């Protein structure tokens, strides 16, 4: 619903000229437009909210917000599946404003498109983001720089949403992160603390090739009985976050991935991704699979140990090469989530 569309709704009354100078316009969108089109959600931004009206479509509302901080949360409303898959897409959009600096702090990765990642669990519970609206400061603009160098400057503050170093009003000191809280710094600290990679050797080797079925699922292909005997308690399932049916948002060169089932032989799980020829994508690529220290069925542990670090190193950090700490580098350097062992080939 856009502003001015319902005369009986006080939220939709167009603001006066004086009010426009004191507010910013945001657009809130929520829904499930995945392959299942099965979930309804409510997106909260402070006291404002928008709820999914129809399965399979995004619902949208426009609101005028004053300066301040607004907590962003999601609330699952209903599903037409017997077991909800909790897929959703949530966006908050705004344009640059001449009077305000606008940013979204989303360390929990609450917003965006989330498909096939929940394993039957509502991952939004207990997570939130923050929309910050600040009056622009006066004086010279801060020069473009990294998050760490920006936040070390008392007159500047890093806006993660726009990846821009903005002028900082010292009266808002409470809301400024320390330079060690920047994504690149967090990635480096995480990589240093997780340098022991011996656990990867306990995981099964990835099959070099897979077979695709008409429903978009995969199976390992061409392995001998002797090779399969190495993994008597292991099987593979299709990664619902990366497959031919729903695509691979985080791994653009992949056609699909497979995940090892839970096993008594190891705590974590193997993750293998394949290109359009159904051949494995090797380490050192953002589209390659990454070993999981916590099995994907261990939802909270998997988020903390495997998913969130990848976001920090490969999405949030503004230094592109920092992702190599996670995936490995083109020069052969092993990353913290990088399996450099050969794949398991057919006999």
C-alpha atoms as a PDB file:
ATOM      1  CA  UNK A   1       0.000   0.000   0.000  1.00  0.00           C
ATOM      2  CA  UNK A   2       1.472   3.358  -0.964  1.00  0.00           C
ATOM      3  CA  UNK A   3       0.941   6.710   0.734  1.00  0.00           C
ATOM      4  CA  UNK A   4      -2.380   8.383  -0.031  1.00  0.00           C
ATOM      5  CA  UNK A   5      -4.224   5.289  -1.293  1.00  0.00           C
ATOM      6  CA  UNK A   6      -6.739   4.953   1.557  1.00  0.00           C
ATOM      7  CA  UNK A   7      -8.462   8.053   2.938  1.00  0.00           C
ATOM      8  CA  UNK A   8      -9.758   6.114   5.969  1.00  0.00           C
ATOM      9  CA  UNK A   9      -6.264   4.963   6.990  1.00  0.00           C
ATOM     10  CA  UNK A  10      -4.362   7.626   8.956  1.00  0.00           C
ATOM     11  CA  UNK A  11      -1.064   5.979   8.062  1.00  0.00           C
ATOM     12  CA  UNK A  12      -1.645   6.792   4.395  1.00  0.00           C
ATOM     13  CA  UNK A  13      -2.405  10.515   4.727  1.00  0.00           C
ATOM     14  CA  UNK A  14       0.160  12.447   2.647  1.00  0.00           C
ATOM     15  CA  UNK A  15       2.536  14.426   4.887  1.00  0.00           C
ATOM     16  CA  UNK A  16       2.515  18.209   4.892  1.00  0.00           C
ATOM     17  CA  UNK A  17       5.383  20.177   3.364  1.00  0.00           C
ATOM     18  CA  UNK A  18       6.840  20.900   6.804  1.00  0.00           C
ATOM     19  CA  UNK A  19       6.595  17.227   7.782  1.00  0.00           C
ATOM     20  CA  UNK A  20       8.343  16.142   4.597  1.00  0.00           C
ATOM     21  CA  UNK A  21      11.367  18.125   5.700  1.00  0.00           C
ATOM     22  CA  UNK A  22      11.511  16.124   8.945  1.00  0.00           C
ATOM     23  CA  UNK A  23      10.881  12.636   7.605  1.00  0.00           C
ATOM     24  CA  UNK A  24      12.250  10.148   5.110  1.00  0.00           C
ATOM     25  CA  UNK A  25      10.298   7.765   2.904  1.00  0.00           C
ATOM     26  CA  UNK A  26      10.918   4.037   3.232  1.00  0.00           C
ATOM     27  CA  UNK A  27       9.333   1.149   1.351  1.00  0.00           C
ATOM     28  CA  UNK A  28       8.774  -2.099   3.282  1.00  0.00           C
ATOM     29  CA  UNK A  29       8.336  -5.376   1.355  1.00  0.00           C
ATOM     30  CA  UNK A  30       7.690  -8.892   2.654  1.00  0.00           C
ATOM     31  CA  UNK A  31       6.542 -12.225   1.218  1.00  0.00           C
ATOM     32  CA  UNK A  32       7.563 -15.671   0.003  1.00  0.00           C
ATOM     33  CA  UNK A  33       8.316 -15.752  -3.725  1.00  0.00           C
ATOM     34  CA  UNK A  34      10.366 -18.958  -3.607  1.00  0.00           C
ATOM     35  CA  UNK A  35       9.493 -22.114  -5.487  1.00  0.00           C
ATOM     36  CA  UNK A  36       7.097 -23.190  -2.730  1.00  0.00           C
ATOM     37  CA  UNK A  37       5.255 -19.828  -2.384  1.00  0.00           C
ATOM     38  CA  UNK A  38       4.016 -21.222   0.917  1.00  0.00           C
ATOM     39  CA  UNK A  39       4.640 -18.734   3.730  1.00  0.00           C
ATOM     40  CA  UNK A  40       3.072 -15.536   5.057  1.00  0.00           C
ATOM     41  CA  UNK A  41       5.127 -13.103   7.153  1.00  0.00           C
ATOM     42  CA  UNK A  42       4.892  -9.740   8.902  1.00  0.00           C
ATOM     43  CA  UNK A  43       7.761  -7.245   8.689  1.00  0.00           C
ATOM     44  CA  UNK A  44       8.074  -4.835  11.635  1.00  0.00           C
ATOM     45  CA  UNK A  45      10.045  -1.573  11.512  1.00  0.00           C
ATOM     46  CA  UNK A  46       9.561   0.075  14.882  1.00  0.00           C
ATOM     47  CA  UNK A  47       5.800   0.565  15.276  1.00  0.00           C
ATOM     48  CA  UNK A  48       5.207   0.200  11.529  1.00  0.00           C
ATOM     49  CA  UNK A  49       4.497  -3.141   9.877  1.00  0.00           C
ATOM     50  CA  UNK A  50       3.470  -4.783   6.626  1.00  0.00           C
ATOM     51  CA  UNK A  51       1.964  -8.270   6.359  1.00  0.00           C
ATOM     52  CA  UNK A  52       1.915 -10.668   3.422  1.00  0.00           C
ATOM     53  CA  UNK A  53      -1.501 -10.455   1.767  1.00  0.00           C
ATOM     54  CA  UNK A  54      -1.237 -13.331  -0.743  1.00  0.00           C
ATOM     55  CA  UNK A  55       0.863 -16.478  -0.896  1.00  0.00           C
ATOM     56  CA  UNK A  56       3.601 -16.235  -3.534  1.00  0.00           C
ATOM     57  CA  UNK A  57       3.589 -12.423  -3.778  1.00  0.00           C
ATOM     58  CA  UNK A  58       5.419  -9.599  -2.040  1.00  0.00           C
ATOM     59  CA  UNK A  59       3.304  -7.096  -0.107  1.00  0.00           C
ATOM     60  CA  UNK A  60       4.528  -3.505   0.048  1.00  0.00           C
ATOM     61  CA  UNK A  61       3.800  -0.394   2.112  1.00  0.00           C
ATOM     62  CA  UNK A  62       5.344   3.085   2.102  1.00  0.00           C
ATOM     63  CA  UNK A  63       5.837   5.046   5.330  1.00  0.00           C
ATOM     64  CA  UNK A  64       7.273   8.372   6.468  1.00  0.00           C
ATOM     65  CA  UNK A  65       9.765   8.009   9.331  1.00  0.00           C
ATOM     66  CA  UNK A  66      11.333  10.640  11.555  1.00  0.00           C
ATOM     67  CA  UNK A  67      14.942  10.711  12.741  1.00  0.00           C
ATOM     68  CA  UNK A  68      15.777   7.878  15.121  1.00  0.00           C
ATOM     69  CA  UNK A  69      16.526   4.155  15.446  1.00  0.00           C
ATOM     70  CA  UNK A  70      13.940   1.567  14.395  1.00  0.00           C
ATOM     71  CA  UNK A  71      14.172  -2.090  15.362  1.00  0.00           C
ATOM     72  CA  UNK A  72      13.488  -4.458  12.442  1.00  0.00           C
ATOM     73  CA  UNK A  73      12.010  -7.902  13.126  1.00  0.00           C
ATOM     74  CA  UNK A  74      10.094 -10.599  11.248  1.00  0.00           C
ATOM     75  CA  UNK A  75       7.080 -12.556  12.454  1.00  0.00           C
ATOM     76  CA  UNK A  76       5.957 -15.801  10.815  1.00  0.00           C
ATOM     77  CA  UNK A  77       2.174 -15.732  10.370  1.00  0.00           C
ATOM     78  CA  UNK A  78       1.112 -18.897   8.527  1.00  0.00           C
ATOM     79  CA  UNK A  79       2.033 -21.610   6.028  1.00  0.00           C
ATOM     80  CA  UNK A  80       0.089 -23.707   3.573  1.00  0.00           C
ATOM     81  CA  UNK A  81       2.567 -26.567   4.061  1.00  0.00           C
ATOM     82  CA  UNK A  82       2.055 -29.164   6.794  1.00  0.00           C
ATOM     83  CA  UNK A  83       5.658 -28.427   7.812  1.00  0.00           C
ATOM     84  CA  UNK A  84       6.578 -24.788   7.083  1.00  0.00           C
ATOM     85  CA  UNK A  85       9.775 -24.206   5.093  1.00  0.00           C
ATOM     86  CA  UNK A  86      10.045 -20.603   6.430  1.00  0.00           C
ATOM     87  CA  UNK A  87      11.234 -19.195   3.085  1.00  0.00           C
ATOM     88  CA  UNK A  88      10.886 -15.425   2.734  1.00  0.00           C
ATOM     89  CA  UNK A  89      12.030 -12.263   1.025  1.00  0.00           C
ATOM     90  CA  UNK A  90      12.212  -9.070   3.105  1.00  0.00           C
ATOM     91  CA  UNK A  91      13.398  -5.697   1.826  1.00  0.00           C
ATOM     92  CA  UNK A  92      13.503  -2.127   3.098  1.00  0.00           C
ATOM     93  CA  UNK A  93      14.242   0.413   0.391  1.00  0.00           C
ATOM     94  CA  UNK A  94      14.955   4.136   0.510  1.00  0.00           C
ATOM     95  CA  UNK A  95      16.600   6.796  -1.605  1.00  0.00           C
ATOM     96  CA  UNK A  96      19.432   9.128  -0.667  1.00  0.00           C
ATOM     97  CA  UNK A  97      18.080  12.101   1.278  1.00  0.00           C
ATOM     98  CA  UNK A  98      19.599  15.568   1.334  1.00  0.00           C
ATOM     99  CA  UNK A  99      18.756  16.018   5.021  1.00  0.00           C
ATOM    100  CA  UNK A 100      19.442  12.581   6.510  1.00  0.00           C
ATOM    101  CA  UNK A 101      21.964   9.753   6.533  1.00  0.00           C
ATOM    102  CA  UNK A 102      20.042   6.459   6.355  1.00  0.00           C
ATOM    103  CA  UNK A 103      21.574   3.069   7.065  1.00  0.00           C
ATOM    104  CA  UNK A 104      20.562  -0.470   8.017  1.00  0.00           C
ATOM    105  CA  UNK A 105      22.620  -2.509  10.472  1.00  0.00           C
ATOM    106  CA  UNK A 106      21.859  -6.173   9.778  1.00  0.00           C
ATOM    107  CA  UNK A 107      24.546  -8.313  11.413  1.00  0.00           C
ATOM    108  CA  UNK A 108      22.104 -11.239  11.701  1.00  0.00           C
ATOM    109  CA  UNK A 109      21.380 -11.202   7.931  1.00  0.00           C
ATOM    110  CA  UNK A 110      17.665 -10.898   8.632  1.00  0.00           C
ATOM    111  CA  UNK A 111      16.781  -9.048   5.423  1.00  0.00           C
ATOM    112  CA  UNK A 112      17.111 -10.288   1.855  1.00  0.00           C
ATOM    113  CA  UNK A 113      16.001 -13.485   0.135  1.00  0.00           C
ATOM    114  CA  UNK A 114      16.142 -16.623   2.281  1.00  0.00           C
ATOM    115  CA  UNK A 115      15.272 -19.875   0.497  1.00  0.00           C
ATOM    116  CA  UNK A 116      15.953 -23.441   1.607  1.00  0.00           C
ATOM    117  CA  UNK A 117      18.101 -22.427   4.579  1.00  0.00           C
ATOM    118  CA  UNK A 118      15.880 -23.155   7.576  1.00  0.00           C
ATOM    119  CA  UNK A 119      15.778 -26.998   7.733  1.00  0.00           C
ATOM    120  CA  UNK A 120      12.254 -26.633   9.151  1.00  0.00           C
ATOM    121  CA  UNK A 121      13.225 -24.070  11.796  1.00  0.00           C
ATOM    122  CA  UNK A 122      12.230 -20.413  12.017  1.00  0.00           C
ATOM    123  CA  UNK A 123      15.678 -18.792  11.939  1.00  0.00           C
ATOM    124  CA  UNK A 124      14.234 -15.296  12.419  1.00  0.00           C
ATOM    125  CA  UNK A 125      13.336 -15.887  16.069  1.00  0.00           C
ATOM    126  CA  UNK A 126      15.553 -13.803  18.332  1.00  0.00           C
ATOM    127  CA  UNK A 127      17.171 -11.957  15.414  1.00  0.00           C
ATOM    128  CA  UNK A 128      16.774  -8.340  14.427  1.00  0.00           C
ATOM    129  CA  UNK A 129      18.236  -5.475  12.435  1.00  0.00           C
ATOM    130  CA  UNK A 130      18.225  -1.708  12.965  1.00  0.00           C
ATOM    131  CA  UNK A 131      17.211   1.123  10.642  1.00  0.00           C
ATOM    132  CA  UNK A 132      19.100   4.301  11.577  1.00  0.00           C
ATOM    133  CA  UNK A 133      18.001   7.744  10.393  1.00  0.00           C
ATOM    134  CA  UNK A 134      20.412  10.570  11.292  1.00  0.00           C
ATOM    135  CA  UNK A 135      20.524  14.237  10.351  1.00  0.00           C
ATOM    136  CA  UNK A 136      23.443  14.939   8.059  1.00  0.00           C
ATOM    137  CA  UNK A 137      26.376  16.658   9.724  1.00  0.00           C
ATOM    138  CA  UNK A 138      27.966  19.848   8.529  1.00  0.00           C
ATOM    139  CA  UNK A 139      31.478  20.354   7.223  1.00  0.00           C
ATOM    140  CA  UNK A 140      33.662  18.458   4.797  1.00  0.00           C
ATOM    141  CA  UNK A 141      32.718  14.958   3.652  1.00  0.00           C
ATOM    142  CA  UNK A 142      34.740  11.991   4.847  1.00  0.00           C
ATOM    143  CA  UNK A 143      36.958  10.557   2.149  1.00  0.00           C
ATOM    144  CA  UNK A 144      36.205   7.048   0.819  1.00  0.00           C
ATOM    145  CA  UNK A 145      38.079   4.485   2.877  1.00  0.00           C
ATOM    146  CA  UNK A 146      37.706   1.110   4.591  1.00  0.00           C
ATOM    147  CA  UNK A 147      35.389   0.548   7.535  1.00  0.00           C
ATOM    148  CA  UNK A 148      38.261   0.234   9.982  1.00  0.00           C
ATOM    149  CA  UNK A 149      40.041   3.436   8.966  1.00  0.00           C
ATOM    150  CA  UNK A 150      36.704   5.274   8.770  1.00  0.00           C
ATOM    151  CA  UNK A 151      35.621   4.383  12.303  1.00  0.00           C
ATOM    152  CA  UNK A 152      39.059   5.282  13.700  1.00  0.00           C
ATOM    153  CA  UNK A 153      38.361   8.863  12.595  1.00  0.00           C
ATOM    154  CA  UNK A 154      36.326  10.675  15.242  1.00  0.00           C
ATOM    155  CA  UNK A 155      34.613  12.766  12.571  1.00  0.00           C
ATOM    156  CA  UNK A 156      33.463   9.823  10.426  1.00  0.00           C
ATOM    157  CA  UNK A 157      31.263   6.746  10.678  1.00  0.00           C
ATOM    158  CA  UNK A 158      31.001   3.700   8.420  1.00  0.00           C
ATOM    159  CA  UNK A 159      27.607   2.949   6.834  1.00  0.00           C
ATOM    160  CA  UNK A 160      27.612  -0.790   6.141  1.00  0.00           C
ATOM    161  CA  UNK A 161      24.475  -0.707   3.983  1.00  0.00           C
ATOM    162  CA  UNK A 162      25.954   1.756   1.476  1.00  0.00           C
ATOM    163  CA  UNK A 163      29.614   0.906   2.216  1.00  0.00           C
ATOM    164  CA  UNK A 164      30.287   4.601   2.508  1.00  0.00           C
ATOM    165  CA  UNK A 165      32.269   6.621   5.046  1.00  0.00           C
ATOM    166  CA  UNK A 166      29.953   9.390   6.256  1.00  0.00           C
ATOM    167  CA  UNK A 167      30.317  12.490   8.388  1.00  0.00           C
ATOM    168  CA  UNK A 168      29.739  11.691  12.055  1.00  0.00           C
ATOM    169  CA  UNK A 169      27.911  13.751  14.652  1.00  0.00           C
ATOM    170  CA  UNK A 170      29.716  13.198  17.957  1.00  0.00           C
ATOM    171  CA  UNK A 171      26.409  13.454  19.822  1.00  0.00           C
ATOM    172  CA  UNK A 172      25.590   9.992  18.387  1.00  0.00           C
ATOM    173  CA  UNK A 173      28.726   8.341  19.801  1.00  0.00           C
ATOM    174  CA  UNK A 174      26.662   5.551  21.364  1.00  0.00           C
ATOM    175  CA  UNK A 175      25.770   4.244  17.912  1.00  0.00           C
ATOM    176  CA  UNK A 176      29.280   4.186  16.445  1.00  0.00           C
ATOM    177  CA  UNK A 177      31.013   0.798  16.257  1.00  0.00           C
ATOM    178  CA  UNK A 178      34.636   0.373  17.229  1.00  0.00           C
ATOM    179  CA  UNK A 179      36.933  -0.212  14.259  1.00  0.00           C
ATOM    180  CA  UNK A 180      37.460  -3.779  15.520  1.00  0.00           C
ATOM    181  CA  UNK A 181      33.731  -4.396  15.013  1.00  0.00           C
ATOM    182  CA  UNK A 182      34.035  -3.935  11.239  1.00  0.00           C
ATOM    183  CA  UNK A 183      33.302  -7.007   9.117  1.00  0.00           C
ATOM    184  CA  UNK A 184      36.875  -7.301   7.778  1.00  0.00           C
ATOM    185  CA  UNK A 185      38.330  -7.191  11.296  1.00  0.00           C
ATOM    186  CA  UNK A 186      35.798  -9.760  12.518  1.00  0.00           C
ATOM    187  CA  UNK A 187      36.691 -12.005   9.556  1.00  0.00           C
ATOM    188  CA  UNK A 188      40.411 -11.806  10.360  1.00  0.00           C
ATOM    189  CA  UNK A 189      39.814 -12.567  14.032  1.00  0.00           C
ATOM    190  CA  UNK A 190      37.556 -15.497  13.169  1.00  0.00           C
ATOM    191  CA  UNK A 191      40.066 -16.951  10.693  1.00  0.00           C
ATOM    192  CA  UNK A 192      42.890 -16.653  13.227  1.00  0.00           C
ATOM    193  CA  UNK A 193      40.856 -18.410  15.915  1.00  0.00           C
ATOM    194  CA  UNK A 194      39.823 -21.241  13.533  1.00  0.00           C
ATOM    195  CA  UNK A 195      43.155 -22.060  11.897  1.00  0.00           C
ATOM    196  CA  UNK A 196      43.073 -25.730  12.961  1.00  0.00           C
ATOM    197  CA  UNK A 197      41.745 -27.560   9.880  1.00  0.00           C
ATOM    198  CA  UNK A 198      42.354 -31.148  11.005  1.00  0.00           C
ATOM    199  CA  UNK A 199      38.603 -31.755  11.367  1.00  0.00           C
ATOM    200  CA  UNK A 200      38.146 -31.429   7.588  1.00  0.00           C
ATOM    201  CA  UNK A 201      40.105 -34.664   7.013  1.00  0.00           C
ATOM    202  CA  UNK A 202      37.374 -36.575   8.888  1.00  0.00           C
ATOM    203  CA  UNK A 203      34.697 -35.498   6.406  1.00  0.00           C
ATOM    204  CA  UNK A 204      33.836 -37.592   3.318  1.00  0.00           C
ATOM    205  CA  UNK A 205      35.396 -36.623  -0.003  1.00  0.00           C
ATOM    206  CA  UNK A 206      33.136 -34.880  -2.499  1.00  0.00           C
ATOM    207  CA  UNK A 207      32.112 -36.972  -5.535  1.00  0.00           C
ATOM    208  CA  UNK A 208      33.751 -35.483  -8.637  1.00  0.00           C
ATOM    209  CA  UNK A 209      30.497 -35.606 -10.597  1.00  0.00           C
ATOM    210  CA  UNK A 210      26.790 -35.906  -9.846  1.00  0.00           C
ATOM    211  CA  UNK A 211      23.680 -36.973 -11.711  1.00  0.00           C
ATOM    212  CA  UNK A 212      20.735 -34.583 -12.013  1.00  0.00           C
ATOM    213  CA  UNK A 213      17.169 -35.838 -11.894  1.00  0.00           C
ATOM    214  CA  UNK A 214      14.137 -34.205 -13.508  1.00  0.00           C
ATOM    215  CA  UNK A 215      12.956 -32.824 -10.143  1.00  0.00           C
ATOM    216  CA  UNK A 216      16.198 -30.884  -9.689  1.00  0.00           C
ATOM    217  CA  UNK A 217      17.721 -33.254  -7.128  1.00  0.00           C
ATOM    218  CA  UNK A 218      21.134 -34.913  -7.392  1.00  0.00           C
ATOM    219  CA  UNK A 219      22.825 -38.224  -6.615  1.00  0.00           C
ATOM    220  CA  UNK A 220      26.466 -39.214  -6.566  1.00  0.00           C
ATOM    221  CA  UNK A 221      27.540 -40.776  -9.824  1.00  0.00           C
ATOM    222  CA  UNK A 222      29.833 -43.531 -11.015  1.00  0.00           C
ATOM    223  CA  UNK A 223      31.348 -44.615  -7.702  1.00  0.00           C
ATOM    224  CA  UNK A 224      32.439 -48.198  -7.218  1.00  0.00           C
ATOM    225  CA  UNK A 225      31.029 -50.378  -4.441  1.00  0.00           C
ATOM    226  CA  UNK A 226      34.441 -50.184  -2.774  1.00  0.00           C
ATOM    227  CA  UNK A 227      34.350 -46.401  -2.779  1.00  0.00           C
ATOM    228  CA  UNK A 228      30.800 -46.274  -1.469  1.00  0.00           C
ATOM    229  CA  UNK A 229      31.807 -48.712   1.273  1.00  0.00           C
ATOM    230  CA  UNK A 230      34.034 -45.981   2.698  1.00  0.00           C
ATOM    231  CA  UNK A 231      30.874 -44.120   3.690  1.00  0.00           C
ATOM    232  CA  UNK A 232      28.504 -46.797   4.891  1.00  0.00           C
ATOM    233  CA  UNK A 233      26.712 -44.354   7.193  1.00  0.00           C
ATOM    234  CA  UNK A 234      26.775 -41.358   4.827  1.00  0.00           C
ATOM    235  CA  UNK A 235      24.421 -40.344   2.061  1.00  0.00           C
ATOM    236  CA  UNK A 236      23.909 -37.087   0.163  1.00  0.00           C
ATOM    237  CA  UNK A 237      20.944 -34.743  -0.128  1.00  0.00           C
ATOM    238  CA  UNK A 238      20.319 -31.818  -2.470  1.00  0.00           C
ATOM    239  CA  UNK A 239      21.148 -28.391  -1.047  1.00  0.00           C
ATOM    240  CA  UNK A 240      17.818 -26.532  -1.079  1.00  0.00           C
ATOM    241  CA  UNK A 241      19.662 -23.191  -1.087  1.00  0.00           C
ATOM    242  CA  UNK A 242      21.450 -24.038  -4.360  1.00  0.00           C
ATOM    243  CA  UNK A 243      19.787 -26.246  -6.966  1.00  0.00           C
ATOM    244  CA  UNK A 244      18.513 -26.036 -10.569  1.00  0.00           C
ATOM    245  CA  UNK A 245      14.934 -25.387  -9.455  1.00  0.00           C
ATOM    246  CA  UNK A 246      15.489 -22.360  -7.205  1.00  0.00           C
ATOM    247  CA  UNK A 247      18.916 -21.180  -8.333  1.00  0.00           C
ATOM    248  CA  UNK A 248      22.088 -20.400  -6.395  1.00  0.00           C
ATOM    249  CA  UNK A 249      22.094 -16.778  -5.208  1.00  0.00           C
ATOM    250  CA  UNK A 250      25.303 -17.084  -3.173  1.00  0.00           C
ATOM    251  CA  UNK A 251      27.173 -19.239  -5.730  1.00  0.00           C
ATOM    252  CA  UNK A 252      26.573 -17.775  -9.211  1.00  0.00           C
ATOM    253  CA  UNK A 253      28.667 -20.322 -11.147  1.00  0.00           C
ATOM    254  CA  UNK A 254      27.024 -23.342  -9.516  1.00  0.00           C
ATOM    255  CA  UNK A 255      24.121 -25.302 -10.943  1.00  0.00           C
ATOM    256  CA  UNK A 256      23.580 -27.045  -7.625  1.00  0.00           C
ATOM    257  CA  UNK A 257      25.153 -28.454  -4.471  1.00  0.00           C
ATOM    258  CA  UNK A 258      24.843 -31.549  -2.296  1.00  0.00           C
ATOM    259  CA  UNK A 259      25.200 -31.954   1.471  1.00  0.00           C
ATOM    260  CA  UNK A 260      26.303 -35.020   3.417  1.00  0.00           C
ATOM    261  CA  UNK A 261      23.762 -36.480   5.805  1.00  0.00           C
ATOM    262  CA  UNK A 262      24.504 -36.535   9.516  1.00  0.00           C
ATOM    263  CA  UNK A 263      26.888 -39.273  10.624  1.00  0.00           C
ATOM    264  CA  UNK A 264      28.244 -40.851  13.800  1.00  0.00           C
ATOM    265  CA  UNK A 265      31.747 -40.657  12.283  1.00  0.00           C
ATOM    266  CA  UNK A 266      32.073 -36.861  12.322  1.00  0.00           C
ATOM    267  CA  UNK A 267      30.355 -33.813  13.810  1.00  0.00           C
ATOM    268  CA  UNK A 268      30.278 -31.514  10.788  1.00  0.00           C
ATOM    269  CA  UNK A 269      29.136 -32.022   7.219  1.00  0.00           C
ATOM    270  CA  UNK A 270      30.508 -31.947   3.698  1.00  0.00           C
ATOM    271  CA  UNK A 271      29.217 -29.479   1.110  1.00  0.00           C
ATOM    272  CA  UNK A 272      29.984 -29.975  -2.600  1.00  0.00           C
ATOM    273  CA  UNK A 273      28.927 -27.740  -5.508  1.00  0.00           C
ATOM    274  CA  UNK A 274      28.827 -28.458  -9.244  1.00  0.00           C
ATOM    275  CA  UNK A 275      28.905 -26.418 -12.440  1.00  0.00           C
ATOM    276  CA  UNK A 276      26.601 -26.642 -15.455  1.00  0.00           C
ATOM    277  CA  UNK A 277      28.494 -29.770 -16.627  1.00  0.00           C
ATOM    278  CA  UNK A 278      27.726 -31.379 -13.231  1.00  0.00           C
ATOM    279  CA  UNK A 279      31.455 -31.426 -12.424  1.00  0.00           C
ATOM    280  CA  UNK A 280      32.758 -30.300  -9.049  1.00  0.00           C
ATOM    281  CA  UNK A 281      33.798 -26.670  -8.568  1.00  0.00           C
ATOM    282  CA  UNK A 282      37.195 -26.707  -6.901  1.00  0.00           C
ATOM    283  CA  UNK A 283      38.395 -24.720  -3.909  1.00  0.00           C
ATOM    284  CA  UNK A 284      39.348 -21.065  -4.244  1.00  0.00           C
ATOM    285  CA  UNK A 285      36.051 -20.082  -5.910  1.00  0.00           C
ATOM    286  CA  UNK A 286      33.112 -18.331  -4.244  1.00  0.00           C
ATOM    287  CA  UNK A 287      30.880 -20.859  -6.022  1.00  0.00           C
ATOM    288  CA  UNK A 288      32.635 -23.898  -4.517  1.00  0.00           C
ATOM    289  CA  UNK A 289      31.184 -25.789  -1.603  1.00  0.00           C
ATOM    290  CA  UNK A 290      32.628 -25.307   1.861  1.00  0.00           C
ATOM    291  CA  UNK A 291      33.029 -27.924   4.604  1.00  0.00           C
ATOM    292  CA  UNK A 292      30.729 -27.341   7.554  1.00  0.00           C
ATOM    293  CA  UNK A 293      32.157 -27.533  11.063  1.00  0.00           C
ATOM    294  CA  UNK A 294      28.595 -27.945  12.351  1.00  0.00           C
ATOM    295  CA  UNK A 295      26.127 -30.058  10.389  1.00  0.00           C
ATOM    296  CA  UNK A 296      23.402 -28.029   8.675  1.00  0.00           C
ATOM    297  CA  UNK A 297      20.765 -29.835  10.759  1.00  0.00           C
ATOM    298  CA  UNK A 298      22.302 -28.188  13.868  1.00  0.00           C
ATOM    299  CA  UNK A 299      20.654 -24.915  12.911  1.00  0.00           C
ATOM    300  CA  UNK A 300      22.041 -22.445  15.462  1.00  0.00           C
ATOM    301  CA  UNK A 301      25.553 -23.924  15.592  1.00  0.00           C
ATOM    302  CA  UNK A 302      25.709 -24.079  11.798  1.00  0.00           C
ATOM    303  CA  UNK A 303      24.728 -20.399  11.562  1.00  0.00           C
ATOM    304  CA  UNK A 304      27.419 -19.329  14.049  1.00  0.00           C
ATOM    305  CA  UNK A 305      30.243 -21.588  12.841  1.00  0.00           C
ATOM    306  CA  UNK A 306      29.694 -21.701   9.075  1.00  0.00           C
ATOM    307  CA  UNK A 307      27.099 -19.323   7.617  1.00  0.00           C
ATOM    308  CA  UNK A 308      27.768 -16.072   9.467  1.00  0.00           C
ATOM    309  CA  UNK A 309      31.588 -16.238   8.979  1.00  0.00           C
ATOM    310  CA  UNK A 310      31.085 -16.607   5.215  1.00  0.00           C
ATOM    311  CA  UNK A 311      28.899 -13.497   5.201  1.00  0.00           C
ATOM    312  CA  UNK A 312      31.506 -11.570   7.198  1.00  0.00           C
ATOM    313  CA  UNK A 313      34.426 -12.524   4.942  1.00  0.00           C
ATOM    314  CA  UNK A 314      32.771 -12.760   1.526  1.00  0.00           C
ATOM    315  CA  UNK A 315      29.799 -10.350   1.633  1.00  0.00           C
ATOM    316  CA  UNK A 316      30.069  -7.762   4.398  1.00  0.00           C
ATOM    317  CA  UNK A 317      33.795  -7.036   4.196  1.00  0.00           C
ATOM    318  CA  UNK A 318      34.469  -4.284   1.662  1.00  0.00           C
ATOM    319  CA  UNK A 319      37.922  -5.723   0.832  1.00  0.00           C
ATOM    320  CA  UNK A 320      37.260  -8.340  -1.860  1.00  0.00           C
ATOM    321  CA  UNK A 321      40.428 -10.378  -1.258  1.00  0.00           C
ATOM    322  CA  UNK A 322      39.370 -10.931   2.359  1.00  0.00           C
ATOM    323  CA  UNK A 323      37.075 -13.699   1.136  1.00  0.00           C
ATOM    324  CA  UNK A 324      40.209 -15.754   0.465  1.00  0.00           C
ATOM    325  CA  UNK A 325      40.557 -16.248   4.225  1.00  0.00           C
ATOM    326  CA  UNK A 326      37.343 -18.283   3.987  1.00  0.00           C
ATOM    327  CA  UNK A 327      37.385 -19.945   0.564  1.00  0.00           C
ATOM    328  CA  UNK A 328      41.133 -20.119  -0.152  1.00  0.00           C
ATOM    329  CA  UNK A 329      43.154 -18.103  -2.607  1.00  0.00           C
ATOM    330  CA  UNK A 330      43.949 -18.492  -6.306  1.00  0.00           C
ATOM    331  CA  UNK A 331      47.614 -19.050  -5.374  1.00  0.00           C
ATOM    332  CA  UNK A 332      46.736 -22.288  -3.589  1.00  0.00           C
ATOM    333  CA  UNK A 333      46.613 -20.890  -0.067  1.00  0.00           C
ATOM    334  CA  UNK A 334      44.100 -22.845   1.989  1.00  0.00           C
ATOM    335  CA  UNK A 335      41.164 -20.985   3.507  1.00  0.00           C
ATOM    336  CA  UNK A 336      39.549 -21.784   6.838  1.00  0.00           C
ATOM    337  CA  UNK A 337      36.573 -23.375   5.032  1.00  0.00           C
ATOM    338  CA  UNK A 338      38.506 -24.869   2.145  1.00  0.00           C
ATOM    339  CA  UNK A 339      38.830 -28.595   1.386  1.00  0.00           C
ATOM    340  CA  UNK A 340      41.916 -28.976  -0.800  1.00  0.00           C
ATOM    341  CA  UNK A 341      41.731 -32.782  -0.931  1.00  0.00           C
ATOM    342  CA  UNK A 342      41.017 -34.368  -4.345  1.00  0.00           C
ATOM    343  CA  UNK A 343      37.426 -35.256  -5.128  1.00  0.00           C
ATOM    344  CA  UNK A 344      36.284 -38.887  -5.214  1.00  0.00           C
ATOM    345  CA  UNK A 345      36.407 -39.903  -8.879  1.00  0.00           C
ATOM    346  CA  UNK A 346      34.696 -42.769 -10.649  1.00  0.00           C
ATOM    347  CA  UNK A 347      36.792 -45.927 -11.114  1.00  0.00           C
END
